[in-house]
Amino acid sequence: MTDGPLLTTDRFDLWRPVASDLPQLCALIDDKETRRYLGPASAERQPQFDRLMRNAGSWTLYGYGTFMVRPHGADSIIAACGVFHSWRGFGHDVGMDDVPEAGWIVRRDWWGKRLAGEVMEAVLGWFDRAHGPKRIACMIEEGNAASERVAAALGFVRYGAHVSDDTMLMLFERLPGGR
């Protein structure tokens, strides 16, 4: 890990990802229920290595990305949350290409403990300060009511939907000026 977390909340330390996070990223989504709304996500090393590399690229090219979330002073990654640069390939008119995109993955034993809301509030505040207020997109698989509640609490509003690989994705955005 680096010298210290980039951000902290009342309960959590938020770290930029490093190569040694790969085994914990695999473990983060090893649980089938955690992967339920992650499309074709796999806990195998190769796809998680690809996710880690995309995230590293977002940090390198754009100055923002997903944070590895740990309880204060702990080593275990319990979530990956942040704003990363996205190019989903849905077409420019869908609003998910070449944009900042918010996302959160929380380990199942931390569900219902307001982790995503707490962490994403800190991330969005940091993002606005560091990069100026910008439109941020977010996509949530149909049926993921918990993530829809988090998005609404963070100021995201639904603007559309998109079908990808037979999966209905609800599209949300947080416009400049946020909430």
C-alpha atoms as a PDB file:
ATOM      1  CA  MET A   1       0.000   0.000   0.000  1.00  0.00           C
ATOM      2  CA  THR A   2       0.989   3.621  -0.276  1.00  0.00           C
ATOM      3  CA  ASP A   3       1.956   5.750   2.725  1.00  0.00           C
ATOM      4  CA  GLY A   4      -1.637   6.276   3.758  1.00  0.00           C
ATOM      5  CA  PRO A   5      -5.234   6.548   2.647  1.00  0.00           C
ATOM      6  CA  LEU A   6      -6.173   9.287   0.206  1.00  0.00           C
ATOM      7  CA  LEU A   7      -9.503   9.863   1.952  1.00  0.00           C
ATOM      8  CA  THR A   8     -11.071   8.891   5.251  1.00  0.00           C
ATOM      9  CA  THR A   9     -14.613   8.860   6.596  1.00  0.00           C
ATOM     10  CA  ASP A  10     -15.798   8.340  10.157  1.00  0.00           C
ATOM     11  CA  ARG A  11     -15.335   4.578   9.778  1.00  0.00           C
ATOM     12  CA  PHE A  12     -13.264   3.895   6.676  1.00  0.00           C
ATOM     13  CA  ASP A  13      -9.947   4.486   4.939  1.00  0.00           C
ATOM     14  CA  LEU A  14     -10.044   4.898   1.159  1.00  0.00           C
ATOM     15  CA  TRP A  15      -6.891   3.862  -0.674  1.00  0.00           C
ATOM     16  CA  ARG A  16      -5.853   4.131  -4.281  1.00  0.00           C
ATOM     17  CA  PRO A  17      -5.512   0.599  -5.650  1.00  0.00           C
ATOM     18  CA  VAL A  18      -2.155  -1.137  -5.902  1.00  0.00           C
ATOM     19  CA  ALA A  19      -1.113  -4.355  -7.656  1.00  0.00           C
ATOM     20  CA  SER A  20      -1.085  -6.312  -4.408  1.00  0.00           C
ATOM     21  CA  ASP A  21      -4.860  -5.687  -4.038  1.00  0.00           C
ATOM     22  CA  LEU A  22      -5.639  -8.306  -6.704  1.00  0.00           C
ATOM     23  CA  PRO A  23      -6.252 -11.287  -4.358  1.00  0.00           C
ATOM     24  CA  GLN A  24      -8.558  -9.195  -2.177  1.00  0.00           C
ATOM     25  CA  LEU A  25     -10.476  -7.914  -5.223  1.00  0.00           C
ATOM     26  CA  CYS A  26     -11.080 -11.543  -6.202  1.00  0.00           C
ATOM     27  CA  ALA A  27     -12.224 -12.307  -2.661  1.00  0.00           C
ATOM     28  CA  LEU A  28     -14.479  -9.214  -2.624  1.00  0.00           C
ATOM     29  CA  ILE A  29     -16.734 -10.635  -5.318  1.00  0.00           C
ATOM     30  CA  ASP A  30     -16.207 -14.312  -4.638  1.00  0.00           C
ATOM     31  CA  ASP A  31     -19.648 -14.477  -2.988  1.00  0.00           C
ATOM     32  CA  LYS A  32     -22.375 -15.231  -5.550  1.00  0.00           C
ATOM     33  CA  GLU A  33     -24.826 -12.763  -3.963  1.00  0.00           C
ATOM     34  CA  THR A  34     -22.236  -9.977  -4.144  1.00  0.00           C
ATOM     35  CA  ARG A  35     -21.881 -10.673  -7.886  1.00  0.00           C
ATOM     36  CA  ARG A  36     -25.653 -10.905  -8.433  1.00  0.00           C
ATOM     37  CA  TYR A  37     -25.967  -7.441 -10.001  1.00  0.00           C
ATOM     38  CA  LEU A  38     -22.493  -7.192 -11.528  1.00  0.00           C
ATOM     39  CA  GLY A  39     -23.415  -8.575 -14.934  1.00  0.00           C
ATOM     40  CA  PRO A  40     -20.974 -11.216 -16.121  1.00  0.00           C
ATOM     41  CA  ALA A  41     -18.440 -10.439 -13.348  1.00  0.00           C
ATOM     42  CA  SER A  42     -16.216 -13.289 -12.250  1.00  0.00           C
ATOM     43  CA  ALA A  43     -14.036 -13.615  -9.167  1.00  0.00           C
ATOM     44  CA  GLU A  44     -11.327 -15.256 -11.279  1.00  0.00           C
ATOM     45  CA  ARG A  45      -7.939 -13.561 -11.320  1.00  0.00           C
ATOM     46  CA  GLN A  46      -7.910 -12.591 -15.025  1.00  0.00           C
ATOM     47  CA  PRO A  47     -11.140 -10.532 -15.072  1.00  0.00           C
ATOM     48  CA  GLN A  48     -10.262  -8.928 -11.744  1.00  0.00           C
ATOM     49  CA  PHE A  49      -6.781  -8.138 -13.052  1.00  0.00           C
ATOM     50  CA  ASP A  50      -8.483  -6.461 -16.033  1.00  0.00           C
ATOM     51  CA  ARG A  51     -10.722  -4.476 -13.636  1.00  0.00           C
ATOM     52  CA  LEU A  52      -7.676  -3.440 -11.600  1.00  0.00           C
ATOM     53  CA  MET A  53      -5.817  -2.352 -14.755  1.00  0.00           C
ATOM     54  CA  ARG A  54      -8.817  -0.320 -16.030  1.00  0.00           C
ATOM     55  CA  ASN A  55      -8.990   1.338 -12.642  1.00  0.00           C
ATOM     56  CA  ALA A  56      -5.256   2.060 -12.632  1.00  0.00           C
ATOM     57  CA  GLY A  57      -5.665   3.546 -16.106  1.00  0.00           C
ATOM     58  CA  SER A  58      -8.473   5.790 -14.907  1.00  0.00           C
ATOM     59  CA  TRP A  59      -6.304   7.050 -12.045  1.00  0.00           C
ATOM     60  CA  THR A  60      -3.320   7.577 -14.344  1.00  0.00           C
ATOM     61  CA  LEU A  61      -5.105   9.224 -17.268  1.00  0.00           C
ATOM     62  CA  TYR A  62      -7.866  11.151 -15.483  1.00  0.00           C
ATOM     63  CA  GLY A  63      -6.754  11.563 -11.867  1.00  0.00           C
ATOM     64  CA  TYR A  64      -9.681   9.654 -10.375  1.00  0.00           C
ATOM     65  CA  GLY A  65     -10.834   6.083 -10.025  1.00  0.00           C
ATOM     66  CA  THR A  66     -12.178   3.476  -7.660  1.00  0.00           C
ATOM     67  CA  PHE A  67     -10.926   3.383  -4.071  1.00  0.00           C
ATOM     68  CA  MET A  68     -10.209   0.248  -2.075  1.00  0.00           C
ATOM     69  CA  VAL A  69     -12.188   0.627   1.146  1.00  0.00           C
ATOM     70  CA  ARG A  70     -10.973  -0.700   4.497  1.00  0.00           C
ATOM     71  CA  PRO A  71     -12.185  -0.159   8.060  1.00  0.00           C
ATOM     72  CA  HIS A  72      -9.837   2.243   9.878  1.00  0.00           C
ATOM     73  CA  GLY A  73      -6.512   0.525  10.486  1.00  0.00           C
ATOM     74  CA  ALA A  74      -7.539  -2.773   8.865  1.00  0.00           C
ATOM     75  CA  ASP A  75      -5.890  -4.558   5.951  1.00  0.00           C
ATOM     76  CA  SER A  76      -8.990  -6.258   4.533  1.00  0.00           C
ATOM     77  CA  ILE A  77     -10.734  -4.677   1.532  1.00  0.00           C
ATOM     78  CA  ILE A  78     -14.469  -4.594   2.235  1.00  0.00           C
ATOM     79  CA  ALA A  79     -15.565  -2.509  -0.760  1.00  0.00           C
ATOM     80  CA  ALA A  80     -14.464  -0.877  -3.990  1.00  0.00           C
ATOM     81  CA  CYS A  81     -16.184   2.471  -4.442  1.00  0.00           C
ATOM     82  CA  GLY A  82     -15.481   5.553  -6.487  1.00  0.00           C
ATOM     83  CA  VAL A  83     -15.746   7.554  -9.663  1.00  0.00           C
ATOM     84  CA  PHE A  84     -13.826   6.151 -12.608  1.00  0.00           C
ATOM     85  CA  HIS A  85     -13.595   7.113 -16.265  1.00  0.00           C
ATOM     86  CA  SER A  86     -15.863   4.942 -18.356  1.00  0.00           C
ATOM     87  CA  TRP A  87     -16.387   3.996 -21.950  1.00  0.00           C
ATOM     88  CA  ARG A  88     -19.167   1.395 -21.962  1.00  0.00           C
ATOM     89  CA  GLY A  89     -19.601   1.266 -25.735  1.00  0.00           C
ATOM     90  CA  PHE A  90     -23.369   1.752 -25.573  1.00  0.00           C
ATOM     91  CA  GLY A  91     -23.185   4.693 -27.979  1.00  0.00           C
ATOM     92  CA  HIS A  92     -22.638   8.370 -27.248  1.00  0.00           C
ATOM     93  CA  ASP A  93     -26.367   9.148 -27.186  1.00  0.00           C
ATOM     94  CA  VAL A  94     -26.829   6.792 -24.187  1.00  0.00           C
ATOM     95  CA  GLY A  95     -24.535   8.978 -22.071  1.00  0.00           C
ATOM     96  CA  MET A  96     -22.210   6.246 -20.763  1.00  0.00           C
ATOM     97  CA  ASP A  97     -19.216   6.757 -23.064  1.00  0.00           C
ATOM     98  CA  ASP A  98     -16.213   8.918 -22.189  1.00  0.00           C
ATOM     99  CA  VAL A  99     -17.690  10.076 -18.877  1.00  0.00           C
ATOM    100  CA  PRO A 100     -16.985   9.899 -15.153  1.00  0.00           C
ATOM    101  CA  GLU A 101     -19.011   6.971 -13.793  1.00  0.00           C
ATOM    102  CA  ALA A 102     -19.823   6.229 -10.160  1.00  0.00           C
ATOM    103  CA  GLY A 103     -19.869   2.691  -8.856  1.00  0.00           C
ATOM    104  CA  TRP A 104     -19.741   0.703  -5.650  1.00  0.00           C
ATOM    105  CA  ILE A 105     -19.240  -2.942  -4.782  1.00  0.00           C
ATOM    106  CA  VAL A 106     -19.657  -3.848  -1.116  1.00  0.00           C
ATOM    107  CA  ARG A 107     -18.772  -7.155   0.523  1.00  0.00           C
ATOM    108  CA  ARG A 108     -21.958  -8.909   1.627  1.00  0.00           C
ATOM    109  CA  ASP A 109     -21.145  -8.920   5.347  1.00  0.00           C
ATOM    110  CA  TRP A 110     -21.153  -5.104   5.135  1.00  0.00           C
ATOM    111  CA  TRP A 111     -24.531  -4.771   3.396  1.00  0.00           C
ATOM    112  CA  GLY A 112     -27.110  -2.699   5.242  1.00  0.00           C
ATOM    113  CA  LYS A 113     -24.491  -0.785   7.247  1.00  0.00           C
ATOM    114  CA  ARG A 114     -24.616   2.399   5.141  1.00  0.00           C
ATOM    115  CA  LEU A 115     -21.072   1.847   3.856  1.00  0.00           C
ATOM    116  CA  ALA A 116     -21.761   2.775   0.211  1.00  0.00           C
ATOM    117  CA  GLY A 117     -23.546   6.003   1.146  1.00  0.00           C
ATOM    118  CA  GLU A 118     -20.873   7.115   3.618  1.00  0.00           C
ATOM    119  CA  VAL A 119     -17.983   6.322   1.315  1.00  0.00           C
ATOM    120  CA  MET A 120     -19.574   7.716  -1.846  1.00  0.00           C
ATOM    121  CA  GLU A 121     -20.490  10.989  -0.082  1.00  0.00           C
ATOM    122  CA  ALA A 122     -16.788  11.432   0.686  1.00  0.00           C
ATOM    123  CA  VAL A 123     -15.748  10.382  -2.819  1.00  0.00           C
ATOM    124  CA  LEU A 124     -18.197  12.723  -4.563  1.00  0.00           C
ATOM    125  CA  GLY A 125     -17.159  15.640  -2.347  1.00  0.00           C
ATOM    126  CA  TRP A 126     -13.504  14.948  -3.125  1.00  0.00           C
ATOM    127  CA  PHE A 127     -14.244  14.535  -6.852  1.00  0.00           C
ATOM    128  CA  ASP A 128     -16.094  17.873  -7.014  1.00  0.00           C
ATOM    129  CA  ARG A 129     -13.270  19.659  -5.197  1.00  0.00           C
ATOM    130  CA  ALA A 130     -10.494  18.027  -7.216  1.00  0.00           C
ATOM    131  CA  HIS A 131     -12.090  17.972 -10.670  1.00  0.00           C
ATOM    132  CA  GLY A 132     -14.833  20.571 -10.539  1.00  0.00           C
ATOM    133  CA  PRO A 133     -18.504  19.813 -10.733  1.00  0.00           C
ATOM    134  CA  LYS A 134     -19.197  17.526 -13.697  1.00  0.00           C
ATOM    135  CA  ARG A 135     -21.945  15.222 -14.828  1.00  0.00           C
ATOM    136  CA  ILE A 136     -21.362  11.759 -13.352  1.00  0.00           C
ATOM    137  CA  ALA A 137     -23.175   8.733 -14.758  1.00  0.00           C
ATOM    138  CA  CYS A 138     -24.143   5.558 -12.964  1.00  0.00           C
ATOM    139  CA  MET A 139     -25.727   2.314 -14.130  1.00  0.00           C
ATOM    140  CA  ILE A 140     -27.610  -0.105 -11.940  1.00  0.00           C
ATOM    141  CA  GLU A 141     -28.921  -3.480 -12.994  1.00  0.00           C
ATOM    142  CA  GLU A 142     -32.695  -3.780 -12.858  1.00  0.00           C
ATOM    143  CA  GLY A 143     -33.830  -5.207  -9.537  1.00  0.00           C
ATOM    144  CA  ASN A 144     -30.958  -3.827  -7.445  1.00  0.00           C
ATOM    145  CA  ALA A 145     -33.186  -1.727  -5.192  1.00  0.00           C
ATOM    146  CA  ALA A 146     -30.468  -1.196  -2.569  1.00  0.00           C
ATOM    147  CA  SER A 147     -28.141   0.464  -5.093  1.00  0.00           C
ATOM    148  CA  GLU A 148     -31.010   2.536  -6.467  1.00  0.00           C
ATOM    149  CA  ARG A 149     -31.636   3.870  -2.935  1.00  0.00           C
ATOM    150  CA  VAL A 150     -27.939   4.715  -2.546  1.00  0.00           C
ATOM    151  CA  ALA A 151     -27.913   6.492  -5.927  1.00  0.00           C
ATOM    152  CA  ALA A 152     -31.014   8.529  -5.054  1.00  0.00           C
ATOM    153  CA  ALA A 153     -29.543   9.550  -1.685  1.00  0.00           C
ATOM    154  CA  LEU A 154     -26.395  10.721  -3.509  1.00  0.00           C
ATOM    155  CA  GLY A 155     -28.396  12.919  -5.884  1.00  0.00           C
ATOM    156  CA  PHE A 156     -28.482  10.651  -8.942  1.00  0.00           C
ATOM    157  CA  VAL A 157     -31.676  10.698 -11.018  1.00  0.00           C
ATOM    158  CA  ARG A 158     -32.740   8.144 -13.567  1.00  0.00           C
ATOM    159  CA  TYR A 159     -32.524   9.368 -17.144  1.00  0.00           C
ATOM    160  CA  GLY A 160     -32.891   6.186 -19.176  1.00  0.00           C
ATOM    161  CA  ALA A 161     -32.325   2.486 -19.589  1.00  0.00           C
ATOM    162  CA  HIS A 162     -30.181   0.268 -21.770  1.00  0.00           C
ATOM    163  CA  VAL A 163     -30.179  -3.447 -22.533  1.00  0.00           C
ATOM    164  CA  SER A 164     -26.723  -5.014 -22.587  1.00  0.00           C
ATOM    165  CA  ASP A 165     -26.175  -8.771 -22.930  1.00  0.00           C
ATOM    166  CA  ASP A 166     -29.884  -9.378 -22.165  1.00  0.00           C
ATOM    167  CA  THR A 167     -29.554  -7.379 -18.935  1.00  0.00           C
ATOM    168  CA  MET A 168     -31.666  -4.273 -18.308  1.00  0.00           C
ATOM    169  CA  LEU A 169     -29.532  -1.459 -16.941  1.00  0.00           C
ATOM    170  CA  MET A 170     -31.108   1.596 -15.363  1.00  0.00           C
ATOM    171  CA  LEU A 171     -29.094   4.717 -16.199  1.00  0.00           C
ATOM    172  CA  PHE A 172     -28.672   7.508 -13.671  1.00  0.00           C
ATOM    173  CA  GLU A 173     -26.823  10.820 -13.631  1.00  0.00           C
ATOM    174  CA  ARG A 174     -25.732  13.431 -11.142  1.00  0.00           C
ATOM    175  CA  LEU A 175     -25.573  16.766 -12.841  1.00  0.00           C
ATOM    176  CA  PRO A 176     -23.101  19.550 -12.012  1.00  0.00           C
ATOM    177  CA  GLY A 177     -24.149  21.198  -8.803  1.00  0.00           C
ATOM    178  CA  GLY A 178     -25.090  17.761  -7.511  1.00  0.00           C
ATOM    179  CA  ARG A 179     -27.780  17.571  -4.925  1.00  0.00           C
END
